[in-house]
């Protein structure tokens, strides 16, 4: 129910609907992002648990742990972020 209502509201945001369907954030993704941002700000896990509506801290920690994957380095890319963002020198 919440996910359907979220999708209806998301469809009204032009900058989101301009994205490919697979790139449009889901309710679950936004919810997980919110909990992660709270964690980064130093909010106690017990407070995040209440906001997320979890019955126990273990489930909250599961979401905060990113379901097992926090970050993966892509293999085979010869460019790093600095190179991709570098401003080309005028010729």
Foldseek 3Di string as FASTA:
>chain_A
DVQVVVVVVQVVDVVQVVDPPVPRDTPLRVLLVVLLVCVVVVNDLVVNCVVSVHPDSVVSVCSNCVVPDDDDDDPPDPDDPCRVPDDDDDD
